Amino acid sequence: MPDDRVQDSYNCLGLEPNSDLSAVEKAYRQLKALYSEEVLATYGLFDNEERARLLEEIKAAYRQLNAAGGVLGLPQAPCTVFASEPMPPLDDSTPPAAYLRLARENRGMTLQEIARQTKIGTRYLAMIEDESYATLPAPVYLRGFVLDFARTLGVPFPEEVSRRYLDLCREALEEQS
């Protein structure tokens, strides 16, 4: 049975006691995003000091539950490549852009989080997901962007995702010419 600190951490993240680490990770990412400064839904509700205090409580709860994972016998996983269910490999029927969006949403990550980890601008990540081929950078850059995006999401065979994305991009640009 978890101690009071662990129970308080579950409550802070809005989780049932003994939720697995995938639920902990997802709740943490969602709450962190909800209380960030960029979110208009909570912007007027809290001043900067209160927002910082709430974010610190959320981080502390996450750290407590993540550390307790080993004690409670829950599976451990790295935070940057984590999902409740592993993504299947990209199949022929799914466009790579839709696959990347699905993988990102499955992990509860925002484009801003991906941008911070990859150092790729959020507008480029959004253009990749939206298949805005005409406005994307040159293929040499795009290949690296898609590869980093896929690796950060932890999808299987990120090189294949990047290759297929570039193939579709070239085809779309040739059709427009």
C-alpha atoms as a PDB file:
ATOM      1  CA  MET A   1       0.000   0.000   0.000  1.00  0.00           C
ATOM      2  CA  PRO A   2       1.501   3.356  -0.935  1.00  0.00           C
ATOM      3  CA  ASP A   3       2.427   5.753   1.852  1.00  0.00           C
ATOM      4  CA  ASP A   4       0.655   9.099   2.339  1.00  0.00           C
ATOM      5  CA  ARG A   5       3.140  11.041   0.174  1.00  0.00           C
ATOM      6  CA  VAL A   6       2.597   8.662  -2.728  1.00  0.00           C
ATOM      7  CA  GLN A   7      -1.178   8.817  -2.236  1.00  0.00           C
ATOM      8  CA  ASP A   8      -1.031  12.631  -2.188  1.00  0.00           C
ATOM      9  CA  SER A   9       0.969  12.534  -5.419  1.00  0.00           C
ATOM     10  CA  TYR A  10      -1.678  10.381  -7.113  1.00  0.00           C
ATOM     11  CA  ASN A  11      -4.340  12.846  -5.920  1.00  0.00           C
ATOM     12  CA  CYS A  12      -2.324  15.830  -7.163  1.00  0.00           C
ATOM     13  CA  LEU A  13      -2.172  14.306 -10.641  1.00  0.00           C
ATOM     14  CA  GLY A  14      -5.831  13.253 -10.498  1.00  0.00           C
ATOM     15  CA  LEU A  15      -5.042   9.544 -10.686  1.00  0.00           C
ATOM     16  CA  GLU A  16      -6.337   6.407  -9.027  1.00  0.00           C
ATOM     17  CA  PRO A  17      -3.977   4.815  -6.479  1.00  0.00           C
ATOM     18  CA  ASN A  18      -1.435   2.467  -8.057  1.00  0.00           C
ATOM     19  CA  SER A  19      -1.957   3.813 -11.574  1.00  0.00           C
ATOM     20  CA  ASP A  20       0.865   2.620 -13.806  1.00  0.00           C
ATOM     21  CA  LEU A  21       3.695   4.866 -14.942  1.00  0.00           C
ATOM     22  CA  SER A  22       2.146   5.419 -18.362  1.00  0.00           C
ATOM     23  CA  ALA A  23      -0.864   7.049 -16.666  1.00  0.00           C
ATOM     24  CA  VAL A  24       1.465   9.047 -14.397  1.00  0.00           C
ATOM     25  CA  GLU A  25       3.458  10.258 -17.403  1.00  0.00           C
ATOM     26  CA  LYS A  26       0.349  11.216 -19.364  1.00  0.00           C
ATOM     27  CA  ALA A  27      -1.265  13.049 -16.422  1.00  0.00           C
ATOM     28  CA  TYR A  28       1.966  14.919 -15.742  1.00  0.00           C
ATOM     29  CA  ARG A  29       2.334  16.069 -19.353  1.00  0.00           C
ATOM     30  CA  GLN A  30      -1.309  17.148 -19.555  1.00  0.00           C
ATOM     31  CA  LEU A  31      -1.225  19.121 -16.306  1.00  0.00           C
ATOM     32  CA  LYS A  32       2.130  20.684 -17.136  1.00  0.00           C
ATOM     33  CA  ALA A  33       0.721  21.821 -20.474  1.00  0.00           C
ATOM     34  CA  LEU A  34      -2.527  23.053 -18.890  1.00  0.00           C
ATOM     35  CA  TYR A  35      -0.729  25.286 -16.374  1.00  0.00           C
ATOM     36  CA  SER A  36       1.929  26.619 -18.742  1.00  0.00           C
ATOM     37  CA  GLU A  37       1.990  30.355 -19.394  1.00  0.00           C
ATOM     38  CA  GLU A  38       0.916  29.969 -23.039  1.00  0.00           C
ATOM     39  CA  VAL A  39      -2.486  28.401 -22.257  1.00  0.00           C
ATOM     40  CA  LEU A  40      -5.272  30.946 -22.415  1.00  0.00           C
ATOM     41  CA  ALA A  41      -7.718  28.697 -20.530  1.00  0.00           C
ATOM     42  CA  THR A  42      -5.810  29.143 -17.255  1.00  0.00           C
ATOM     43  CA  TYR A  43      -4.004  32.407 -18.001  1.00  0.00           C
ATOM     44  CA  GLY A  44      -6.452  34.686 -16.202  1.00  0.00           C
ATOM     45  CA  LEU A  45      -7.112  32.272 -13.342  1.00  0.00           C
ATOM     46  CA  PHE A  46      -3.650  32.341 -11.755  1.00  0.00           C
ATOM     47  CA  ASP A  47      -0.946  34.920 -11.289  1.00  0.00           C
ATOM     48  CA  ASN A  48       2.634  33.924 -12.123  1.00  0.00           C
ATOM     49  CA  GLU A  49       3.459  33.017  -8.518  1.00  0.00           C
ATOM     50  CA  GLU A  50       0.419  30.745  -8.127  1.00  0.00           C
ATOM     51  CA  ARG A  51       1.044  29.145 -11.529  1.00  0.00           C
ATOM     52  CA  ALA A  52       4.681  28.451 -10.575  1.00  0.00           C
ATOM     53  CA  ARG A  53       3.567  26.918  -7.254  1.00  0.00           C
ATOM     54  CA  LEU A  54       1.055  24.647  -9.003  1.00  0.00           C
ATOM     55  CA  LEU A  55       3.622  23.563 -11.581  1.00  0.00           C
ATOM     56  CA  GLU A  56       6.104  22.791  -8.796  1.00  0.00           C
ATOM     57  CA  GLU A  57       3.506  20.653  -6.992  1.00  0.00           C
ATOM     58  CA  ILE A  58       2.790  18.788 -10.222  1.00  0.00           C
ATOM     59  CA  LYS A  59       6.513  18.212 -10.829  1.00  0.00           C
ATOM     60  CA  ALA A  60       7.033  17.040  -7.245  1.00  0.00           C
ATOM     61  CA  ALA A  61       4.110  14.605  -7.530  1.00  0.00           C
ATOM     62  CA  TYR A  62       5.473  13.265 -10.792  1.00  0.00           C
ATOM     63  CA  ARG A  63       8.969  12.812  -9.324  1.00  0.00           C
ATOM     64  CA  GLN A  64       7.518  11.072  -6.257  1.00  0.00           C
ATOM     65  CA  LEU A  65       5.489   8.609  -8.324  1.00  0.00           C
ATOM     66  CA  ASN A  66       8.244   8.058 -10.861  1.00  0.00           C
ATOM     67  CA  ALA A  67      10.687   7.266  -8.036  1.00  0.00           C
ATOM     68  CA  ALA A  68       8.115   5.067  -6.303  1.00  0.00           C
ATOM     69  CA  GLY A  69       7.594   3.091  -9.515  1.00  0.00           C
ATOM     70  CA  GLY A  70      10.464   0.766  -8.698  1.00  0.00           C
ATOM     71  CA  VAL A  71       9.309   0.366  -5.093  1.00  0.00           C
ATOM     72  CA  LEU A  72       5.757  -0.441  -6.138  1.00  0.00           C
ATOM     73  CA  GLY A  73       6.963  -2.839  -8.814  1.00  0.00           C
ATOM     74  CA  LEU A  74       5.666  -0.740 -11.691  1.00  0.00           C
ATOM     75  CA  PRO A  75       7.592  -0.806 -14.954  1.00  0.00           C
ATOM     76  CA  GLN A  76      10.123   1.985 -15.450  1.00  0.00           C
ATOM     77  CA  ALA A  77      10.476   3.769 -18.781  1.00  0.00           C
ATOM     78  CA  PRO A  78      12.355   6.815 -20.047  1.00  0.00           C
ATOM     79  CA  CYS A  79      10.169   9.913 -20.055  1.00  0.00           C
ATOM     80  CA  THR A  80      11.028  11.202 -23.520  1.00  0.00           C
ATOM     81  CA  VAL A  81       9.936   8.056 -25.305  1.00  0.00           C
ATOM     82  CA  PHE A  82       6.941   6.814 -23.379  1.00  0.00           C
ATOM     83  CA  ALA A  83       3.470   5.714 -24.311  1.00  0.00           C
ATOM     84  CA  SER A  84       0.704   3.701 -22.776  1.00  0.00           C
ATOM     85  CA  GLU A  85       0.996   1.350 -25.732  1.00  0.00           C
ATOM     86  CA  PRO A  86       3.944   1.045 -28.111  1.00  0.00           C
ATOM     87  CA  MET A  87       3.312   2.363 -31.592  1.00  0.00           C
ATOM     88  CA  PRO A  88       3.156  -0.276 -34.310  1.00  0.00           C
ATOM     89  CA  PRO A  89       5.517   0.245 -37.249  1.00  0.00           C
ATOM     90  CA  LEU A  90       4.326   2.562 -40.007  1.00  0.00           C
ATOM     91  CA  ASP A  91       2.189   0.645 -42.493  1.00  0.00           C
ATOM     92  CA  ASP A  92       1.549   1.374 -46.168  1.00  0.00           C
ATOM     93  CA  SER A  93      -1.967   2.697 -45.573  1.00  0.00           C
ATOM     94  CA  THR A  94      -1.006   5.417 -43.070  1.00  0.00           C
ATOM     95  CA  PRO A  95       0.599   8.666 -44.242  1.00  0.00           C
ATOM     96  CA  PRO A  96       3.788   9.414 -42.273  1.00  0.00           C
ATOM     97  CA  ALA A  97       2.437  12.807 -41.139  1.00  0.00           C
ATOM     98  CA  ALA A  98      -0.690  11.233 -39.656  1.00  0.00           C
ATOM     99  CA  TYR A  99       1.478   8.537 -38.046  1.00  0.00           C
ATOM    100  CA  LEU A 100       3.688  11.167 -36.375  1.00  0.00           C
ATOM    101  CA  ARG A 101       0.666  13.101 -35.109  1.00  0.00           C
ATOM    102  CA  LEU A 102      -0.891   9.916 -33.731  1.00  0.00           C
ATOM    103  CA  ALA A 103       2.371   8.926 -32.009  1.00  0.00           C
ATOM    104  CA  ARG A 104       2.695  12.397 -30.469  1.00  0.00           C
ATOM    105  CA  GLU A 105      -0.904  12.403 -29.232  1.00  0.00           C
ATOM    106  CA  ASN A 106      -0.544   8.836 -27.945  1.00  0.00           C
ATOM    107  CA  ARG A 107       2.340  10.040 -25.789  1.00  0.00           C
ATOM    108  CA  GLY A 108       0.413  13.090 -24.611  1.00  0.00           C
ATOM    109  CA  MET A 109       3.075  15.447 -25.950  1.00  0.00           C
ATOM    110  CA  THR A 110       2.615  18.909 -27.397  1.00  0.00           C
ATOM    111  CA  LEU A 111       4.481  20.337 -30.356  1.00  0.00           C
ATOM    112  CA  GLN A 112       6.136  22.737 -27.919  1.00  0.00           C
ATOM    113  CA  GLU A 113       7.567  19.817 -25.923  1.00  0.00           C
ATOM    114  CA  ILE A 114       8.881  18.193 -29.092  1.00  0.00           C
ATOM    115  CA  ALA A 115      10.374  21.539 -30.167  1.00  0.00           C
ATOM    116  CA  ARG A 116      12.187  21.942 -26.844  1.00  0.00           C
ATOM    117  CA  GLN A 117      13.670  18.462 -27.099  1.00  0.00           C
ATOM    118  CA  THR A 118      14.624  18.568 -30.781  1.00  0.00           C
ATOM    119  CA  LYS A 119      15.387  22.296 -31.166  1.00  0.00           C
ATOM    120  CA  ILE A 120      13.115  22.284 -34.239  1.00  0.00           C
ATOM    121  CA  GLY A 121      10.705  25.221 -34.420  1.00  0.00           C
ATOM    122  CA  THR A 122       7.091  24.461 -33.575  1.00  0.00           C
ATOM    123  CA  ARG A 123       5.962  25.959 -36.879  1.00  0.00           C
ATOM    124  CA  TYR A 124       8.102  23.422 -38.777  1.00  0.00           C
ATOM    125  CA  LEU A 125       6.743  20.576 -36.661  1.00  0.00           C
ATOM    126  CA  ALA A 126       3.198  21.782 -37.336  1.00  0.00           C
ATOM    127  CA  MET A 127       3.935  22.046 -41.078  1.00  0.00           C
ATOM    128  CA  ILE A 128       5.289  18.476 -41.026  1.00  0.00           C
ATOM    129  CA  GLU A 129       2.124  17.183 -39.357  1.00  0.00           C
ATOM    130  CA  ASP A 130      -0.103  19.245 -41.683  1.00  0.00           C
ATOM    131  CA  GLU A 131       1.768  18.080 -44.810  1.00  0.00           C
ATOM    132  CA  SER A 132       2.432  21.686 -45.831  1.00  0.00           C
ATOM    133  CA  TYR A 133       5.005  20.497 -48.345  1.00  0.00           C
ATOM    134  CA  ALA A 134       5.324  23.767 -50.274  1.00  0.00           C
ATOM    135  CA  THR A 135       6.357  25.731 -47.180  1.00  0.00           C
ATOM    136  CA  LEU A 136       8.724  23.179 -45.660  1.00  0.00           C
ATOM    137  CA  PRO A 137      12.498  23.689 -45.769  1.00  0.00           C
ATOM    138  CA  ALA A 138      14.845  22.021 -48.266  1.00  0.00           C
ATOM    139  CA  PRO A 139      14.878  18.197 -48.286  1.00  0.00           C
ATOM    140  CA  VAL A 140      18.283  18.002 -46.611  1.00  0.00           C
ATOM    141  CA  TYR A 141      16.872  19.833 -43.570  1.00  0.00           C
ATOM    142  CA  LEU A 142      13.457  18.210 -43.755  1.00  0.00           C
ATOM    143  CA  ARG A 143      14.968  14.719 -43.608  1.00  0.00           C
ATOM    144  CA  GLY A 144      16.720  15.585 -40.344  1.00  0.00           C
ATOM    145  CA  PHE A 145      13.631  17.284 -38.909  1.00  0.00           C
ATOM    146  CA  VAL A 146      11.367  14.301 -39.585  1.00  0.00           C
ATOM    147  CA  LEU A 147      14.018  11.865 -38.335  1.00  0.00           C
ATOM    148  CA  ASP A 148      14.482  13.805 -35.063  1.00  0.00           C
ATOM    149  CA  PHE A 149      10.708  14.135 -34.665  1.00  0.00           C
ATOM    150  CA  ALA A 150      10.237  10.365 -35.104  1.00  0.00           C
ATOM    151  CA  ARG A 151      13.152   9.480 -32.807  1.00  0.00           C
ATOM    152  CA  THR A 152      11.886  11.776 -30.065  1.00  0.00           C
ATOM    153  CA  LEU A 153       8.511  10.044 -30.244  1.00  0.00           C
ATOM    154  CA  GLY A 154      10.236   6.664 -30.050  1.00  0.00           C
ATOM    155  CA  VAL A 155       8.446   5.219 -33.064  1.00  0.00           C
ATOM    156  CA  PRO A 156       9.824   2.038 -34.616  1.00  0.00           C
ATOM    157  CA  PHE A 157      12.042   2.512 -37.679  1.00  0.00           C
ATOM    158  CA  PRO A 158      12.312   6.339 -37.648  1.00  0.00           C
ATOM    159  CA  GLU A 159      14.537   6.240 -40.763  1.00  0.00           C
ATOM    160  CA  GLU A 160      11.701   4.567 -42.681  1.00  0.00           C
ATOM    161  CA  VAL A 161       9.224   7.216 -41.498  1.00  0.00           C
ATOM    162  CA  SER A 162      11.583   9.974 -42.648  1.00  0.00           C
ATOM    163  CA  ARG A 163      12.234   8.308 -46.015  1.00  0.00           C
ATOM    164  CA  ARG A 164       8.528   7.790 -46.708  1.00  0.00           C
ATOM    165  CA  TYR A 165       7.724  11.365 -45.652  1.00  0.00           C
ATOM    166  CA  LEU A 166      10.332  12.750 -48.075  1.00  0.00           C
ATOM    167  CA  ASP A 167       9.052  10.503 -50.881  1.00  0.00           C
ATOM    168  CA  LEU A 168       5.508  11.840 -50.424  1.00  0.00           C
ATOM    169  CA  CYS A 169       6.824  15.392 -50.206  1.00  0.00           C
ATOM    170  CA  ARG A 170       8.708  15.029 -53.506  1.00  0.00           C
ATOM    171  CA  GLU A 171       5.656  13.499 -55.198  1.00  0.00           C
ATOM    172  CA  ALA A 172       3.377  16.308 -53.990  1.00  0.00           C
ATOM    173  CA  LEU A 173       5.806  19.013 -55.125  1.00  0.00           C
ATOM    174  CA  GLU A 174       6.226  17.378 -58.551  1.00  0.00           C
ATOM    175  CA  GLU A 175       2.439  17.280 -58.998  1.00  0.00           C
ATOM    176  CA  GLN A 176       2.233  21.009 -58.250  1.00  0.00           C
ATOM    177  CA  SER A 177       4.853  21.861 -60.880  1.00  0.00           C
END
